[in-house]
């Protein structure tokens, strides 16, 4: 419960997208918003970490969670020399 808010702040029926949610502050925010009723979109480049956070948060709430991963490789753009 948020002891600073009266009445309690809720995020029911709202969706939050958290990048870097596989660890650290992103993980903490995923748990916080899940407890406050939000649908949480977990995004991280580390699939194992993201899946672990999804599993943890699902156990603590009935909110719906999604897991999105970076599945492509970005290659540097090399400008062509103009002659």
N, C-alpha and C. Protein backbone atom coordinates (compact mmCIF):
# COMPACT_ATOMS: atom_id res chain seq x y z
N UNK A 1 0.84 -1.18 0.00
CA UNK A 1 0.00 0.00 0.00
C UNK A 1 0.89 1.24 0.00
N UNK A 2 0.48 2.22 -0.72
CA UNK A 2 1.22 3.48 -0.77
C UNK A 2 0.78 4.34 0.41
N UNK A 3 1.67 4.46 1.41
CA UNK A 3 1.29 5.19 2.62
C UNK A 3 1.22 6.69 2.41
N UNK A 4 1.72 7.18 1.26
CA UNK A 4 1.69 8.61 1.00
C UNK A 4 0.42 9.05 0.28
N UNK A 5 -0.31 8.12 -0.26
CA UNK A 5 -1.50 8.49 -1.04
C UNK A 5 -2.76 8.11 -0.28
N UNK A 6 -3.71 9.01 -0.31
CA UNK A 6 -4.99 8.73 0.29
C UNK A 6 -6.06 9.31 -0.61
N UNK A 7 -6.93 8.55 -1.21
CA UNK A 7 -6.98 7.09 -1.16
C UNK A 7 -5.82 6.47 -1.94
N UNK A 8 -5.66 5.15 -1.77
CA UNK A 8 -4.57 4.42 -2.41
C UNK A 8 -4.57 4.63 -3.93
N UNK A 9 -3.39 4.85 -4.48
CA UNK A 9 -3.22 4.99 -5.93
C UNK A 9 -3.35 3.61 -6.55
N UNK A 10 -4.17 3.48 -7.57
CA UNK A 10 -4.37 2.20 -8.26
C UNK A 10 -4.17 2.41 -9.76
N UNK A 11 -3.77 1.35 -10.44
CA UNK A 11 -3.57 1.39 -11.89
C UNK A 11 -4.42 0.31 -12.57
N UNK A 12 -5.56 0.00 -11.97
CA UNK A 12 -6.46 -1.01 -12.55
C UNK A 12 -6.86 -0.62 -13.97
N UNK A 13 -6.89 -1.62 -14.85
CA UNK A 13 -7.28 -1.44 -16.26
C UNK A 13 -6.34 -0.51 -17.02
N UNK A 14 -5.14 -0.27 -16.51
CA UNK A 14 -4.15 0.53 -17.21
C UNK A 14 -2.96 -0.38 -17.52
N UNK A 15 -2.25 -0.07 -18.58
CA UNK A 15 -1.09 -0.85 -18.98
C UNK A 15 0.16 -0.01 -18.89
N UNK A 16 1.21 -0.58 -18.29
CA UNK A 16 2.50 0.08 -18.23
C UNK A 16 3.52 -0.77 -18.96
N UNK A 17 4.42 -0.12 -19.68
CA UNK A 17 5.49 -0.80 -20.39
C UNK A 17 6.78 -0.45 -19.67
N UNK A 18 7.51 -1.47 -19.24
CA UNK A 18 8.74 -1.25 -18.50
C UNK A 18 9.89 -1.86 -19.29
N UNK A 19 10.79 -0.99 -19.77
CA UNK A 19 11.98 -1.47 -20.46
C UNK A 19 13.06 -1.76 -19.43
N UNK A 20 13.88 -2.75 -19.71
CA UNK A 20 14.91 -3.13 -18.76
C UNK A 20 14.33 -3.80 -17.53
N UNK A 21 13.20 -4.46 -17.69
CA UNK A 21 12.49 -5.03 -16.55
C UNK A 21 13.04 -6.36 -16.08
N UNK A 22 14.07 -6.88 -16.74
CA UNK A 22 14.62 -8.18 -16.36
C UNK A 22 15.48 -8.15 -15.11
N UNK A 23 15.81 -6.96 -14.60
CA UNK A 23 16.66 -6.87 -13.41
C UNK A 23 16.61 -5.45 -12.85
N UNK A 24 17.14 -5.29 -11.66
CA UNK A 24 17.33 -3.97 -11.07
C UNK A 24 16.05 -3.17 -10.86
N UNK A 25 16.14 -1.87 -11.19
CA UNK A 25 14.99 -0.98 -10.99
C UNK A 25 13.80 -1.39 -11.86
N UNK A 26 14.06 -1.85 -13.08
CA UNK A 26 12.96 -2.29 -13.94
C UNK A 26 12.17 -3.42 -13.30
N UNK A 27 12.88 -4.37 -12.71
CA UNK A 27 12.24 -5.49 -12.01
C UNK A 27 11.40 -4.95 -10.85
N UNK A 28 11.96 -4.03 -10.08
CA UNK A 28 11.24 -3.46 -8.94
C UNK A 28 9.97 -2.75 -9.39
N UNK A 29 10.06 -1.99 -10.48
CA UNK A 29 8.87 -1.29 -11.00
C UNK A 29 7.82 -2.28 -11.50
N UNK A 30 8.25 -3.37 -12.13
CA UNK A 30 7.29 -4.38 -12.59
C UNK A 30 6.50 -4.94 -11.42
N UNK A 31 7.19 -5.23 -10.32
CA UNK A 31 6.51 -5.73 -9.12
C UNK A 31 5.57 -4.67 -8.54
N UNK A 32 6.03 -3.44 -8.46
CA UNK A 32 5.22 -2.37 -7.89
C UNK A 32 3.93 -2.16 -8.68
N UNK A 33 4.06 -2.01 -10.00
CA UNK A 33 2.86 -1.77 -10.81
C UNK A 33 1.93 -2.98 -10.82
N UNK A 34 2.49 -4.18 -10.77
CA UNK A 34 1.66 -5.38 -10.67
C UNK A 34 0.83 -5.38 -9.40
N UNK A 35 1.47 -5.03 -8.28
CA UNK A 35 0.74 -4.95 -7.00
C UNK A 35 -0.35 -3.88 -7.03
N UNK A 36 -0.14 -2.83 -7.83
CA UNK A 36 -1.11 -1.74 -7.90
C UNK A 36 -2.17 -1.97 -8.97
N UNK A 37 -2.20 -3.18 -9.55
CA UNK A 37 -3.29 -3.56 -10.44
C UNK A 37 -3.07 -3.35 -11.92
N UNK A 38 -1.91 -2.87 -12.33
CA UNK A 38 -1.66 -2.59 -13.75
C UNK A 38 -1.40 -3.87 -14.53
N UNK A 39 -1.69 -3.82 -15.82
CA UNK A 39 -1.20 -4.83 -16.75
C UNK A 39 0.22 -4.40 -17.10
N UNK A 40 1.17 -5.28 -16.88
CA UNK A 40 2.58 -4.92 -17.03
C UNK A 40 3.17 -5.59 -18.27
N UNK A 41 3.78 -4.77 -19.11
CA UNK A 41 4.52 -5.29 -20.26
C UNK A 41 5.99 -5.28 -19.87
N UNK A 42 6.57 -6.47 -19.78
CA UNK A 42 7.97 -6.64 -19.39
C UNK A 42 8.81 -6.68 -20.66
N UNK A 43 9.79 -5.79 -20.75
CA UNK A 43 10.66 -5.74 -21.93
C UNK A 43 12.11 -5.75 -21.47
N UNK A 44 12.89 -6.66 -22.03
CA UNK A 44 14.32 -6.73 -21.70
C UNK A 44 15.05 -7.49 -22.80
N UNK A 45 16.32 -7.19 -22.99
CA UNK A 45 17.11 -7.91 -23.99
C UNK A 45 17.51 -9.29 -23.47
N UNK A 46 17.42 -9.52 -22.17
CA UNK A 46 17.76 -10.79 -21.58
C UNK A 46 16.48 -11.61 -21.39
N UNK A 47 16.26 -12.58 -22.26
CA UNK A 47 15.03 -13.37 -22.22
C UNK A 47 14.86 -14.11 -20.90
N UNK A 48 15.93 -14.68 -20.39
CA UNK A 48 15.87 -15.42 -19.13
C UNK A 48 15.45 -14.51 -17.97
N UNK A 49 16.06 -13.33 -17.90
CA UNK A 49 15.71 -12.39 -16.85
C UNK A 49 14.27 -11.91 -16.95
N UNK A 50 13.83 -11.61 -18.18
CA UNK A 50 12.46 -11.14 -18.38
C UNK A 50 11.45 -12.21 -17.99
N UNK A 51 11.70 -13.45 -18.41
CA UNK A 51 10.78 -14.54 -18.05
C UNK A 51 10.73 -14.75 -16.55
N UNK A 52 11.87 -14.62 -15.86
CA UNK A 52 11.89 -14.78 -14.41
C UNK A 52 11.03 -13.71 -13.74
N UNK A 53 11.13 -12.47 -14.21
CA UNK A 53 10.33 -11.38 -13.64
C UNK A 53 8.85 -11.62 -13.89
N UNK A 54 8.50 -12.04 -15.10
CA UNK A 54 7.09 -12.34 -15.41
C UNK A 54 6.57 -13.40 -14.45
N UNK A 55 7.33 -14.49 -14.25
CA UNK A 55 6.89 -15.55 -13.34
C UNK A 55 6.74 -15.04 -11.90
N UNK A 56 7.68 -14.21 -11.45
CA UNK A 56 7.61 -13.68 -10.08
C UNK A 56 6.38 -12.81 -9.88
N UNK A 57 6.12 -11.94 -10.84
CA UNK A 57 5.03 -10.98 -10.66
C UNK A 57 3.68 -11.68 -10.80
N UNK A 58 3.59 -12.67 -11.66
CA UNK A 58 2.33 -13.41 -11.80
C UNK A 58 1.95 -14.08 -10.48
N UNK A 59 2.95 -14.58 -9.76
CA UNK A 59 2.68 -15.24 -8.48
C UNK A 59 2.11 -14.27 -7.44
N UNK A 60 2.45 -12.99 -7.55
CA UNK A 60 2.04 -12.02 -6.55
C UNK A 60 0.78 -11.24 -6.88
N UNK A 61 0.19 -11.48 -8.04
CA UNK A 61 -0.96 -10.68 -8.44
C UNK A 61 -1.79 -11.44 -9.48
N UNK A 62 -2.97 -10.95 -9.77
CA UNK A 62 -3.80 -11.56 -10.80
C UNK A 62 -3.77 -10.76 -12.09
N UNK A 63 -2.92 -9.76 -12.17
CA UNK A 63 -2.82 -8.94 -13.37
C UNK A 63 -2.29 -9.76 -14.53
N UNK A 64 -2.56 -9.29 -15.72
CA UNK A 64 -2.09 -9.96 -16.93
C UNK A 64 -0.71 -9.41 -17.28
N UNK A 65 0.20 -10.30 -17.65
CA UNK A 65 1.56 -9.88 -17.99
C UNK A 65 1.94 -10.40 -19.36
N UNK A 66 2.73 -9.62 -20.03
CA UNK A 66 3.25 -9.99 -21.34
C UNK A 66 4.77 -9.92 -21.27
N UNK A 67 5.40 -10.68 -22.10
CA UNK A 67 6.85 -10.63 -22.16
C UNK A 67 7.27 -10.36 -23.59
N UNK A 68 8.03 -9.31 -23.80
CA UNK A 68 8.48 -8.92 -25.14
C UNK A 68 9.99 -8.89 -25.13
N UNK A 69 10.60 -9.43 -26.17
CA UNK A 69 12.05 -9.48 -26.22
C UNK A 69 12.57 -8.84 -27.49
N UNK A 70 13.76 -8.36 -27.41
CA UNK A 70 14.46 -7.86 -28.59
C UNK A 70 14.94 -9.09 -29.36
N UNK A 71 14.37 -9.33 -30.51
CA UNK A 71 14.66 -10.56 -31.23
C UNK A 71 15.39 -10.32 -32.55
N UNK A 72 15.85 -9.12 -32.76
CA UNK A 72 16.56 -8.83 -33.99
C UNK A 72 17.93 -8.26 -33.68
N UNK A 73 18.82 -8.35 -34.64
CA UNK A 73 20.14 -7.76 -34.48
C UNK A 73 20.20 -6.47 -35.27
N UNK A 74 20.68 -5.45 -34.64
CA UNK A 74 20.84 -4.18 -35.33
C UNK A 74 22.28 -4.08 -35.82
N UNK A 75 22.44 -3.80 -37.07
CA UNK A 75 23.80 -3.65 -37.60
C UNK A 75 24.06 -2.17 -37.80
N UNK A 76 25.30 -1.75 -37.57
CA UNK A 76 25.61 -0.33 -37.75
C UNK A 76 25.34 0.12 -39.18
N UNK A 77 24.85 1.32 -39.31
CA UNK A 77 24.62 1.89 -40.63
C UNK A 77 25.92 2.53 -41.10
N UNK A 78 26.40 2.08 -42.22
CA UNK A 78 27.65 2.63 -42.77
C UNK A 78 27.32 3.45 -43.99
N UNK A 79 27.49 4.75 -43.90
CA UNK A 79 27.17 5.59 -45.06
C UNK A 79 28.12 5.28 -46.22
N UNK A 80 27.55 5.26 -47.40
CA UNK A 80 28.37 5.02 -48.58
C UNK A 80 29.07 6.32 -48.96
N UNK A 81 30.30 6.18 -49.41
CA UNK A 81 31.04 7.36 -49.86
C UNK A 81 30.50 7.81 -51.21
N UNK A 82 30.25 9.10 -51.34
CA UNK A 82 29.78 9.63 -52.62
C UNK A 82 30.97 10.17 -53.38
N UNK A 83 31.03 9.84 -54.64
CA UNK A 83 32.16 10.32 -55.47
C UNK A 83 31.65 11.24 -56.55
